[in-house]
Amino acid sequence: MKSDLAADIMREIESYNEALAIEIDNASKKAAKKIANELSETSPKDSGDYAADWAVKEVTGKKRYKYRMGTSKYVVHNKGHYQLTHLLEEGHATKGGTSRVPAQPHIEPVEMEYVPKYLSAVEEAIKNAK
């Protein structure tokens, strides 16, 4: 009788963990896509190539558990002009070093806007996981 109860409890916990992992993964993917879209809209547009190259990449870790909790991560990156992100965000010295190009903050404002939204989405996922 006890072993049946323990098995039932473990099954429910595993089911909850799997549902929670899926909910968090969905929230993460959705947030990453929104961030990439926002960066495309708010990035400096000289030729437009830099702004258009924001993308989301899924990075999947080792599957230690049978459910996916903590194994998928989404990275928002500039696939074609990654070398420019810190130069544009922070500013930089000119080629001759005689002056500075002013910073054009566009990544940090988006991050500051979406981190609280993502945390709220994760909290909602925890509430809704069944």
C-alpha atoms as a PDB file:
ATOM      1  CA  MET A   1       0.000   0.000   0.000  1.00  0.00           C
ATOM      2  CA  LYS A   2       2.768   2.445   0.931  1.00  0.00           C
ATOM      3  CA  SER A   3       4.750   1.657  -2.195  1.00  0.00           C
ATOM      4  CA  ASP A   4       1.666   2.356  -4.346  1.00  0.00           C
ATOM      5  CA  LEU A   5       1.221   5.732  -2.660  1.00  0.00           C
ATOM      6  CA  ALA A   6       4.905   6.571  -3.123  1.00  0.00           C
ATOM      7  CA  ALA A   7       4.756   5.545  -6.788  1.00  0.00           C
ATOM      8  CA  ASP A   8       1.631   7.645  -7.324  1.00  0.00           C
ATOM      9  CA  ILE A   9       3.253  10.657  -5.692  1.00  0.00           C
ATOM     10  CA  MET A  10       6.397  10.251  -7.787  1.00  0.00           C
ATOM     11  CA  ARG A  11       4.326   9.960 -10.962  1.00  0.00           C
ATOM     12  CA  GLU A  12       2.474  13.182 -10.109  1.00  0.00           C
ATOM     13  CA  ILE A  13       5.713  15.012  -9.331  1.00  0.00           C
ATOM     14  CA  GLU A  14       7.274  13.852 -12.605  1.00  0.00           C
ATOM     15  CA  SER A  15       4.165  14.884 -14.503  1.00  0.00           C
ATOM     16  CA  TYR A  16       4.219  18.317 -12.858  1.00  0.00           C
ATOM     17  CA  ASN A  17       7.956  18.731 -13.563  1.00  0.00           C
ATOM     18  CA  GLU A  18       7.474  17.870 -17.220  1.00  0.00           C
ATOM     19  CA  ALA A  19       4.492  20.217 -17.589  1.00  0.00           C
ATOM     20  CA  LEU A  20       6.421  22.986 -15.836  1.00  0.00           C
ATOM     21  CA  ALA A  21       9.473  22.475 -18.046  1.00  0.00           C
ATOM     22  CA  ILE A  22       7.322  22.740 -21.168  1.00  0.00           C
ATOM     23  CA  GLU A  23       5.588  25.892 -19.893  1.00  0.00           C
ATOM     24  CA  ILE A  24       8.896  27.570 -19.002  1.00  0.00           C
ATOM     25  CA  ASP A  25      10.422  26.529 -22.320  1.00  0.00           C
ATOM     26  CA  ASN A  26       7.467  28.058 -24.178  1.00  0.00           C
ATOM     27  CA  ALA A  27       7.724  31.276 -22.138  1.00  0.00           C
ATOM     28  CA  SER A  28      11.466  31.455 -22.820  1.00  0.00           C
ATOM     29  CA  LYS A  29      11.063  30.937 -26.548  1.00  0.00           C
ATOM     30  CA  LYS A  30       8.277  33.512 -26.764  1.00  0.00           C
ATOM     31  CA  ALA A  31      10.285  36.103 -24.797  1.00  0.00           C
ATOM     32  CA  ALA A  32      13.389  35.561 -26.928  1.00  0.00           C
ATOM     33  CA  LYS A  33      11.417  36.071 -30.135  1.00  0.00           C
ATOM     34  CA  LYS A  34       9.845  39.262 -28.782  1.00  0.00           C
ATOM     35  CA  ILE A  35      13.256  40.579 -27.738  1.00  0.00           C
ATOM     36  CA  ALA A  36      14.761  39.836 -31.167  1.00  0.00           C
ATOM     37  CA  ASN A  37      11.847  41.616 -32.864  1.00  0.00           C
ATOM     38  CA  GLU A  38      12.142  44.613 -30.551  1.00  0.00           C
ATOM     39  CA  LEU A  39      15.898  44.835 -31.171  1.00  0.00           C
ATOM     40  CA  SER A  40      15.269  44.724 -34.917  1.00  0.00           C
ATOM     41  CA  GLU A  41      12.964  47.709 -34.546  1.00  0.00           C
ATOM     42  CA  THR A  42      15.074  49.779 -32.150  1.00  0.00           C
ATOM     43  CA  SER A  43      18.630  49.075 -33.381  1.00  0.00           C
ATOM     44  CA  PRO A  44      20.608  51.758 -35.203  1.00  0.00           C
ATOM     45  CA  LYS A  45      19.880  51.631 -38.913  1.00  0.00           C
ATOM     46  CA  ASP A  46      22.713  52.867 -41.089  1.00  0.00           C
ATOM     47  CA  SER A  47      22.213  50.388 -43.917  1.00  0.00           C
ATOM     48  CA  GLY A  48      19.583  48.346 -42.075  1.00  0.00           C
ATOM     49  CA  ASP A  49      21.620  45.132 -42.167  1.00  0.00           C
ATOM     50  CA  TYR A  50      22.596  45.293 -38.482  1.00  0.00           C
ATOM     51  CA  ALA A  51      18.997  45.770 -37.337  1.00  0.00           C
ATOM     52  CA  ALA A  52      17.725  42.994 -39.591  1.00  0.00           C
ATOM     53  CA  ASP A  53      20.215  40.409 -38.326  1.00  0.00           C
ATOM     54  CA  TRP A  54      18.821  39.889 -34.812  1.00  0.00           C
ATOM     55  CA  ALA A  55      17.912  36.244 -34.344  1.00  0.00           C
ATOM     56  CA  VAL A  56      17.108  33.625 -31.713  1.00  0.00           C
ATOM     57  CA  LYS A  57      19.232  30.534 -31.304  1.00  0.00           C
ATOM     58  CA  GLU A  58      18.194  27.568 -29.184  1.00  0.00           C
ATOM     59  CA  VAL A  59      21.044  26.134 -27.158  1.00  0.00           C
ATOM     60  CA  THR A  60      20.205  22.717 -25.782  1.00  0.00           C
ATOM     61  CA  GLY A  61      22.217  21.272 -22.939  1.00  0.00           C
ATOM     62  CA  LYS A  62      22.833  17.679 -21.957  1.00  0.00           C
ATOM     63  CA  LYS A  63      19.668  15.759 -21.218  1.00  0.00           C
ATOM     64  CA  ARG A  64      20.419  14.584 -17.687  1.00  0.00           C
ATOM     65  CA  TYR A  65      16.805  13.997 -16.831  1.00  0.00           C
ATOM     66  CA  LYS A  66      13.988  12.512 -18.801  1.00  0.00           C
ATOM     67  CA  TYR A  67      12.117  15.803 -18.697  1.00  0.00           C
ATOM     68  CA  ARG A  68      13.558  18.975 -20.230  1.00  0.00           C
ATOM     69  CA  MET A  69      13.789  21.175 -17.140  1.00  0.00           C
ATOM     70  CA  GLY A  70      16.682  23.560 -17.578  1.00  0.00           C
ATOM     71  CA  THR A  71      18.050  22.025 -20.753  1.00  0.00           C
ATOM     72  CA  SER A  72      16.887  24.533 -23.370  1.00  0.00           C
ATOM     73  CA  LYS A  73      18.135  28.080 -23.470  1.00  0.00           C
ATOM     74  CA  TYR A  74      17.423  30.739 -26.031  1.00  0.00           C
ATOM     75  CA  VAL A  75      20.108  33.214 -27.008  1.00  0.00           C
ATOM     76  CA  VAL A  76      19.242  36.432 -28.792  1.00  0.00           C
ATOM     77  CA  HIS A  77      22.181  37.441 -30.964  1.00  0.00           C
ATOM     78  CA  ASN A  78      23.088  39.447 -34.010  1.00  0.00           C
ATOM     79  CA  LYS A  79      24.029  36.716 -36.457  1.00  0.00           C
ATOM     80  CA  GLY A  80      25.708  38.860 -39.105  1.00  0.00           C
ATOM     81  CA  HIS A  81      27.142  41.805 -37.211  1.00  0.00           C
ATOM     82  CA  TYR A  82      27.895  40.444 -33.748  1.00  0.00           C
ATOM     83  CA  GLN A  83      31.162  42.411 -33.696  1.00  0.00           C
ATOM     84  CA  LEU A  84      29.231  45.687 -33.701  1.00  0.00           C
ATOM     85  CA  THR A  85      26.918  45.089 -30.746  1.00  0.00           C
ATOM     86  CA  HIS A  86      29.253  46.286 -27.992  1.00  0.00           C
ATOM     87  CA  LEU A  87      30.724  49.050 -30.169  1.00  0.00           C
ATOM     88  CA  LEU A  88      27.314  50.536 -30.885  1.00  0.00           C
ATOM     89  CA  GLU A  89      25.967  49.946 -27.381  1.00  0.00           C
ATOM     90  CA  GLU A  90      28.951  51.395 -25.502  1.00  0.00           C
ATOM     91  CA  GLY A  91      30.548  53.726 -28.039  1.00  0.00           C
ATOM     92  CA  HIS A  92      34.167  53.426 -29.163  1.00  0.00           C
ATOM     93  CA  ALA A  93      37.277  55.303 -30.166  1.00  0.00           C
ATOM     94  CA  THR A  94      37.614  56.281 -33.813  1.00  0.00           C
ATOM     95  CA  LYS A  95      40.113  54.494 -36.016  1.00  0.00           C
ATOM     96  CA  GLY A  96      42.824  57.074 -35.384  1.00  0.00           C
ATOM     97  CA  GLY A  97      41.992  57.226 -31.679  1.00  0.00           C
ATOM     98  CA  THR A  98      41.613  60.989 -31.712  1.00  0.00           C
ATOM     99  CA  SER A  99      37.936  61.060 -30.765  1.00  0.00           C
ATOM    100  CA  ARG A 100      35.062  58.839 -29.709  1.00  0.00           C
ATOM    101  CA  VAL A 101      31.950  57.652 -31.465  1.00  0.00           C
ATOM    102  CA  PRO A 102      29.015  58.175 -29.084  1.00  0.00           C
ATOM    103  CA  ALA A 103      27.166  55.206 -27.632  1.00  0.00           C
ATOM    104  CA  GLN A 104      23.808  54.243 -29.107  1.00  0.00           C
ATOM    105  CA  PRO A 105      22.206  52.203 -26.306  1.00  0.00           C
ATOM    106  CA  HIS A 106      19.667  49.862 -27.858  1.00  0.00           C
ATOM    107  CA  ILE A 107      20.254  46.485 -26.178  1.00  0.00           C
ATOM    108  CA  GLU A 108      20.093  47.452 -22.491  1.00  0.00           C
ATOM    109  CA  PRO A 109      16.751  49.294 -22.758  1.00  0.00           C
ATOM    110  CA  VAL A 110      15.157  46.241 -24.370  1.00  0.00           C
ATOM    111  CA  GLU A 111      16.697  43.982 -21.726  1.00  0.00           C
ATOM    112  CA  MET A 112      15.393  46.206 -18.916  1.00  0.00           C
ATOM    113  CA  GLU A 113      11.921  46.125 -20.464  1.00  0.00           C
ATOM    114  CA  TYR A 114      11.712  42.379 -21.063  1.00  0.00           C
ATOM    115  CA  VAL A 115      13.404  40.851 -17.995  1.00  0.00           C
ATOM    116  CA  PRO A 116      10.474  41.698 -15.682  1.00  0.00           C
ATOM    117  CA  LYS A 117       8.020  40.532 -18.363  1.00  0.00           C
ATOM    118  CA  TYR A 118       9.885  37.226 -18.678  1.00  0.00           C
ATOM    119  CA  LEU A 119       9.967  36.718 -14.915  1.00  0.00           C
ATOM    120  CA  SER A 120       6.211  37.334 -14.788  1.00  0.00           C
ATOM    121  CA  ALA A 121       5.704  34.792 -17.581  1.00  0.00           C
ATOM    122  CA  VAL A 122       7.739  32.202 -15.644  1.00  0.00           C
ATOM    123  CA  GLU A 123       5.725  32.870 -12.487  1.00  0.00           C
ATOM    124  CA  GLU A 124       2.543  32.437 -14.521  1.00  0.00           C
ATOM    125  CA  ALA A 125       3.917  29.195 -15.973  1.00  0.00           C
ATOM    126  CA  ILE A 126       4.568  27.897 -12.453  1.00  0.00           C
ATOM    127  CA  LYS A 127       0.990  28.733 -11.467  1.00  0.00           C
ATOM    128  CA  ASN A 128      -0.473  27.114 -14.584  1.00  0.00           C
ATOM    129  CA  ALA A 129       1.606  23.918 -14.734  1.00  0.00           C
ATOM    130  CA  LYS A 130      -0.568  20.906 -14.067  1.00  0.00           C
END
